[in-house]
Amino acid sequence: MVFAKCPVLPGCVSQGKTRNEALENIKEAIEGCIEVRREMGWPDTEEMIDVEVAL
C-alpha cells in the first residue's frame, strides 16, 4: 500500500496499491478538496495551484 498527501491541503490524503494508483487517487482527492473549499466560500490561493505531491 502506498500513501500520498498534499501538504498544502491539510487532511487531503489518499492511497493506492501501487505508486501510480496512489498518484491518480491523490489527484482526485486534491480536486475534491478544492471543490469543497470553493463551495464553502474559502478563497483560492496561489499555493493551492502549485501543489507538490510526495509519494
PDB file of N, CA and C in Angstrom:
ATOM      1  N   MET A   1       0.853  -1.168   0.000  1.00  0.00           N
ATOM      2  CA  MET A   1       0.000   0.000   0.000  1.00  0.00           C
ATOM      3  C   MET A   1       0.903   1.237   0.000  1.00  0.00           C
ATOM      4  N   VAL A   2       0.569   2.192  -0.839  1.00  0.00           N
ATOM      5  CA  VAL A   2       1.311   3.449  -0.946  1.00  0.00           C
ATOM      6  C   VAL A   2       0.381   4.571  -0.510  1.00  0.00           C
ATOM      7  N   PHE A   3       0.880   5.435   0.371  1.00  0.00           N
ATOM      8  CA  PHE A   3       0.094   6.557   0.876  1.00  0.00           C
ATOM      9  C   PHE A   3       0.609   7.856   0.267  1.00  0.00           C
ATOM     10  N   ALA A   4      -0.313   8.787   0.003  1.00  0.00           N
ATOM     11  CA  ALA A   4       0.047  10.086  -0.570  1.00  0.00           C
ATOM     12  C   ALA A   4      -0.717  11.179   0.161  1.00  0.00           C
ATOM     13  N   LYS A   5      -0.102  12.363   0.266  1.00  0.00           N
ATOM     14  CA  LYS A   5      -0.783  13.504   0.877  1.00  0.00           C
ATOM     15  C   LYS A   5      -0.403  14.772   0.140  1.00  0.00           C
ATOM     16  N   CYS A   6      -1.243  15.776   0.296  1.00  0.00           N
ATOM     17  CA  CYS A   6      -0.981  17.085  -0.292  1.00  0.00           C
ATOM     18  C   CYS A   6      -0.710  18.045   0.861  1.00  0.00           C
ATOM     19  N   PRO A   7       0.537  18.424   1.095  1.00  0.00           N
ATOM     20  CA  PRO A   7       0.880  19.261   2.245  1.00  0.00           C
ATOM     21  C   PRO A   7       0.171  20.617   2.267  1.00  0.00           C
ATOM     22  N   VAL A   8      -0.205  21.132   1.115  1.00  0.00           N
ATOM     23  CA  VAL A   8      -0.851  22.441   1.041  1.00  0.00           C
ATOM     24  C   VAL A   8      -2.309  22.368   1.497  1.00  0.00           C
ATOM     25  N   LEU A   9      -2.907  21.191   1.403  1.00  0.00           N
ATOM     26  CA  LEU A   9      -4.310  20.998   1.777  1.00  0.00           C
ATOM     27  C   LEU A   9      -4.378  20.025   2.954  1.00  0.00           C
ATOM     28  N   PRO A  10      -4.337  20.525   4.177  1.00  0.00           N
ATOM     29  CA  PRO A  10      -4.372  19.644   5.345  1.00  0.00           C
ATOM     30  C   PRO A  10      -5.561  18.688   5.285  1.00  0.00           C
ATOM     31  N   GLY A  11      -5.289  17.428   5.542  1.00  0.00           N
ATOM     32  CA  GLY A  11      -6.337  16.420   5.523  1.00  0.00           C
ATOM     33  C   GLY A  11      -6.580  15.804   4.162  1.00  0.00           C
ATOM     34  N   CYS A  12      -5.922  16.312   3.140  1.00  0.00           N
ATOM     35  CA  CYS A  12      -6.093  15.782   1.782  1.00  0.00           C
ATOM     36  C   CYS A  12      -5.091  14.641   1.597  1.00  0.00           C
ATOM     37  N   VAL A  13      -5.570  13.424   1.798  1.00  0.00           N
ATOM     38  CA  VAL A  13      -4.719  12.240   1.725  1.00  0.00           C
ATOM     39  C   VAL A  13      -5.390  11.179   0.868  1.00  0.00           C
ATOM     40  N   SER A  14      -4.597  10.226   0.410  1.00  0.00           N
ATOM     41  CA  SER A  14      -5.135   9.125  -0.374  1.00  0.00           C
ATOM     42  C   SER A  14      -4.159   7.964  -0.302  1.00  0.00           C
ATOM     43  N   GLN A  15      -4.512   6.885  -0.991  1.00  0.00           N
ATOM     44  CA  GLN A  15      -3.657   5.703  -1.015  1.00  0.00           C
ATOM     45  C   GLN A  15      -3.930   4.911  -2.274  1.00  0.00           C
ATOM     46  N   GLY A  16      -3.075   3.941  -2.530  1.00  0.00           N
ATOM     47  CA  GLY A  16      -3.265   3.052  -3.661  1.00  0.00           C
ATOM     48  C   GLY A  16      -2.407   1.817  -3.499  1.00  0.00           C
ATOM     49  N   LYS A  17      -2.692   0.802  -4.276  1.00  0.00           N
ATOM     50  CA  LYS A  17      -1.912  -0.434  -4.213  1.00  0.00           C
ATOM     51  C   LYS A  17      -0.527  -0.253  -4.821  1.00  0.00           C
ATOM     52  N   THR A  18      -0.417   0.696  -5.774  1.00  0.00           N
ATOM     53  CA  THR A  18       0.860   0.989  -6.421  1.00  0.00           C
ATOM     54  C   THR A  18       1.108   2.494  -6.357  1.00  0.00           C
ATOM     55  N   ARG A  19       2.329   2.884  -6.685  1.00  0.00           N
ATOM     56  CA  ARG A  19       2.671   4.311  -6.717  1.00  0.00           C
ATOM     57  C   ARG A  19       1.781   5.054  -7.712  1.00  0.00           C
ATOM     58  N   ASN A  20       1.591   4.478  -8.893  1.00  0.00           N
ATOM     59  CA  ASN A  20       0.765   5.135  -9.911  1.00  0.00           C
ATOM     60  C   ASN A  20      -0.681   5.267  -9.457  1.00  0.00           C
ATOM     61  N   GLU A  21      -1.216   4.231  -8.822  1.00  0.00           N
ATOM     62  CA  GLU A  21      -2.593   4.299  -8.339  1.00  0.00           C
ATOM     63  C   GLU A  21      -2.726   5.359  -7.246  1.00  0.00           C
ATOM     64  N   ALA A  22      -1.751   5.430  -6.348  1.00  0.00           N
ATOM     65  CA  ALA A  22      -1.780   6.445  -5.294  1.00  0.00           C
ATOM     66  C   ALA A  22      -1.714   7.844  -5.896  1.00  0.00           C
ATOM     67  N   LEU A  23      -0.914   8.026  -6.941  1.00  0.00           N
ATOM     68  CA  LEU A  23      -0.797   9.330  -7.595  1.00  0.00           C
ATOM     69  C   LEU A  23      -2.117   9.727  -8.246  1.00  0.00           C
ATOM     70  N   GLU A  24      -2.746   8.797  -8.940  1.00  0.00           N
ATOM     71  CA  GLU A  24      -4.048   9.093  -9.550  1.00  0.00           C
ATOM     72  C   GLU A  24      -5.092   9.403  -8.478  1.00  0.00           C
ATOM     73  N   ASN A  25      -5.069   8.645  -7.391  1.00  0.00           N
ATOM     74  CA  ASN A  25      -6.046   8.854  -6.322  1.00  0.00           C
ATOM     75  C   ASN A  25      -5.848  10.190  -5.615  1.00  0.00           C
ATOM     76  N   ILE A  26      -4.592  10.609  -5.409  1.00  0.00           N
ATOM     77  CA  ILE A  26      -4.372  11.887  -4.724  1.00  0.00           C
ATOM     78  C   ILE A  26      -4.773  13.039  -5.645  1.00  0.00           C
ATOM     79  N   LYS A  27      -4.618  12.875  -6.947  1.00  0.00           N
ATOM     80  CA  LYS A  27      -5.079  13.917  -7.873  1.00  0.00           C
ATOM     81  C   LYS A  27      -6.584  14.112  -7.736  1.00  0.00           C
ATOM     82  N   GLU A  28      -7.328  13.006  -7.664  1.00  0.00           N
ATOM     83  CA  GLU A  28      -8.780  13.090  -7.475  1.00  0.00           C
ATOM     84  C   GLU A  28      -9.118  13.714  -6.123  1.00  0.00           C
ATOM     85  N   ALA A  29      -8.361  13.346  -5.093  1.00  0.00           N
ATOM     86  CA  ALA A  29      -8.602  13.900  -3.761  1.00  0.00           C
ATOM     87  C   ALA A  29      -8.349  15.406  -3.747  1.00  0.00           C
ATOM     88  N   ILE A  30      -7.304  15.854  -4.422  1.00  0.00           N
ATOM     89  CA  ILE A  30      -6.993  17.285  -4.492  1.00  0.00           C
ATOM     90  C   ILE A  30      -8.131  18.033  -5.175  1.00  0.00           C
ATOM     91  N   GLU A  31      -8.618  17.486  -6.284  1.00  0.00           N
ATOM     92  CA  GLU A  31      -9.743  18.123  -6.979  1.00  0.00           C
ATOM     93  C   GLU A  31     -10.951  18.225  -6.056  1.00  0.00           C
ATOM     94  N   GLY A  32     -11.223  17.160  -5.308  1.00  0.00           N
ATOM     95  CA  GLY A  32     -12.350  17.171  -4.372  1.00  0.00           C
ATOM     96  C   GLY A  32     -12.167  18.180  -3.257  1.00  0.00           C
ATOM     97  N   CYS A  33     -10.967  18.256  -2.704  1.00  0.00           N
ATOM     98  CA  CYS A  33     -10.696  19.214  -1.627  1.00  0.00           C
ATOM     99  C   CYS A  33     -10.874  20.648  -2.115  1.00  0.00           C
ATOM    100  N   ILE A  34     -10.379  20.942  -3.306  1.00  0.00           N
ATOM    101  CA  ILE A  34     -10.514  22.291  -3.861  1.00  0.00           C
ATOM    102  C   ILE A  34     -11.982  22.607  -4.123  1.00  0.00           C
ATOM    103  N   GLU A  35     -12.729  21.642  -4.644  1.00  0.00           N
ATOM    104  CA  GLU A  35     -14.155  21.848  -4.907  1.00  0.00           C
ATOM    105  C   GLU A  35     -14.904  22.176  -3.611  1.00  0.00           C
ATOM    106  N   VAL A  36     -14.618  21.445  -2.551  1.00  0.00           N
ATOM    107  CA  VAL A  36     -15.279  21.698  -1.262  1.00  0.00           C
ATOM    108  C   VAL A  36     -14.910  23.076  -0.738  1.00  0.00           C
ATOM    109  N   ARG A  37     -13.625  23.449  -0.842  1.00  0.00           N
ATOM    110  CA  ARG A  37     -13.203  24.782  -0.384  1.00  0.00           C
ATOM    111  C   ARG A  37     -13.985  25.867  -1.111  1.00  0.00           C
ATOM    112  N   ARG A  38     -14.150  25.702  -2.416  1.00  0.00           N
ATOM    113  CA  ARG A  38     -14.886  26.703  -3.201  1.00  0.00           C
ATOM    114  C   ARG A  38     -16.355  26.735  -2.797  1.00  0.00           C
ATOM    115  N   GLU A  39     -16.962  25.566  -2.594  1.00  0.00           N
ATOM    116  CA  GLU A  39     -18.368  25.500  -2.177  1.00  0.00           C
ATOM    117  C   GLU A  39     -18.584  26.179  -0.829  1.00  0.00           C
ATOM    118  N   MET A  40     -17.567  26.117   0.032  1.00  0.00           N
ATOM    119  CA  MET A  40     -17.673  26.728   1.355  1.00  0.00           C
ATOM    120  C   MET A  40     -17.333  28.214   1.328  1.00  0.00           C
ATOM    121  N   GLY A  41     -16.931  28.713   0.154  1.00  0.00           N
ATOM    122  CA  GLY A  41     -16.622  30.126   0.024  1.00  0.00           C
ATOM    123  C   GLY A  41     -15.223  30.495   0.467  1.00  0.00           C
ATOM    124  N   TRP A  42     -14.370  29.496   0.662  1.00  0.00           N
ATOM    125  CA  TRP A  42     -12.994  29.785   1.042  1.00  0.00           C
ATOM    126  C   TRP A  42     -12.224  30.212  -0.196  1.00  0.00           C
ATOM    127  N   PRO A  43     -11.360  31.208  -0.070  1.00  0.00           N
ATOM    128  CA  PRO A  43     -10.649  31.718  -1.251  1.00  0.00           C
ATOM    129  C   PRO A  43      -9.595  30.738  -1.756  1.00  0.00           C
ATOM    130  N   ASP A  44      -9.386  30.777  -3.061  1.00  0.00           N
ATOM    131  CA  ASP A  44      -8.273  30.032  -3.651  1.00  0.00           C
ATOM    132  C   ASP A  44      -6.994  30.797  -3.345  1.00  0.00           C
ATOM    133  N   THR A  45      -5.903  30.087  -3.284  1.00  0.00           N
ATOM    134  CA  THR A  45      -4.610  30.737  -3.085  1.00  0.00           C
ATOM    135  C   THR A  45      -3.647  30.238  -4.148  1.00  0.00           C
ATOM    136  N   GLU A  46      -2.586  30.980  -4.368  1.00  0.00           N
ATOM    137  CA  GLU A  46      -1.572  30.534  -5.321  1.00  0.00           C
ATOM    138  C   GLU A  46      -0.990  29.202  -4.883  1.00  0.00           C
ATOM    139  N   GLU A  47      -0.876  28.997  -3.561  1.00  0.00           N
ATOM    140  CA  GLU A  47      -0.326  27.741  -3.070  1.00  0.00           C
ATOM    141  C   GLU A  47      -1.172  26.552  -3.510  1.00  0.00           C
ATOM    142  N   MET A  48      -2.478  26.753  -3.609  1.00  0.00           N
ATOM    143  CA  MET A  48      -3.347  25.652  -3.994  1.00  0.00           C
ATOM    144  C   MET A  48      -3.159  25.275  -5.457  1.00  0.00           C
ATOM    145  N   ILE A  49      -2.684  26.191  -6.248  1.00  0.00           N
ATOM    146  CA  ILE A  49      -2.485  25.908  -7.661  1.00  0.00           C
ATOM    147  C   ILE A  49      -1.150  25.190  -7.874  1.00  0.00           C
ATOM    148  N   ASP A  50      -0.148  25.541  -7.100  1.00  0.00           N
ATOM    149  CA  ASP A  50       1.178  24.950  -7.218  1.00  0.00           C
ATOM    150  C   ASP A  50       1.317  23.892  -6.130  1.00  0.00           C
ATOM    151  N   VAL A  51       0.859  22.676  -6.410  1.00  0.00           N
ATOM    152  CA  VAL A  51       0.815  21.620  -5.410  1.00  0.00           C
ATOM    153  C   VAL A  51       1.964  20.646  -5.614  1.00  0.00           C
ATOM    154  N   GLU A  52       2.653  20.331  -4.531  1.00  0.00           N
ATOM    155  CA  GLU A  52       3.708  19.322  -4.559  1.00  0.00           C
ATOM    156  C   GLU A  52       3.147  18.047  -3.958  1.00  0.00           C
ATOM    157  N   VAL A  53       3.257  16.947  -4.675  1.00  0.00           N
ATOM    158  CA  VAL A  53       2.738  15.664  -4.199  1.00  0.00           C
ATOM    159  C   VAL A  53       3.919  14.758  -3.889  1.00  0.00           C
ATOM    160  N   ALA A  54       4.002  14.291  -2.660  1.00  0.00           N
ATOM    161  CA  ALA A  54       5.086  13.397  -2.262  1.00  0.00           C
ATOM    162  C   ALA A  54       4.559  11.975  -2.148  1.00  0.00           C
ATOM    163  N   LEU A  55       5.245  11.048  -2.766  1.00  0.00           N
ATOM    164  CA  LEU A  55       4.871   9.631  -2.671  1.00  0.00           C
ATOM    165  C   LEU A  55       5.998   8.843  -2.065  1.00  0.00           C
TER     166      LEU A  55
END
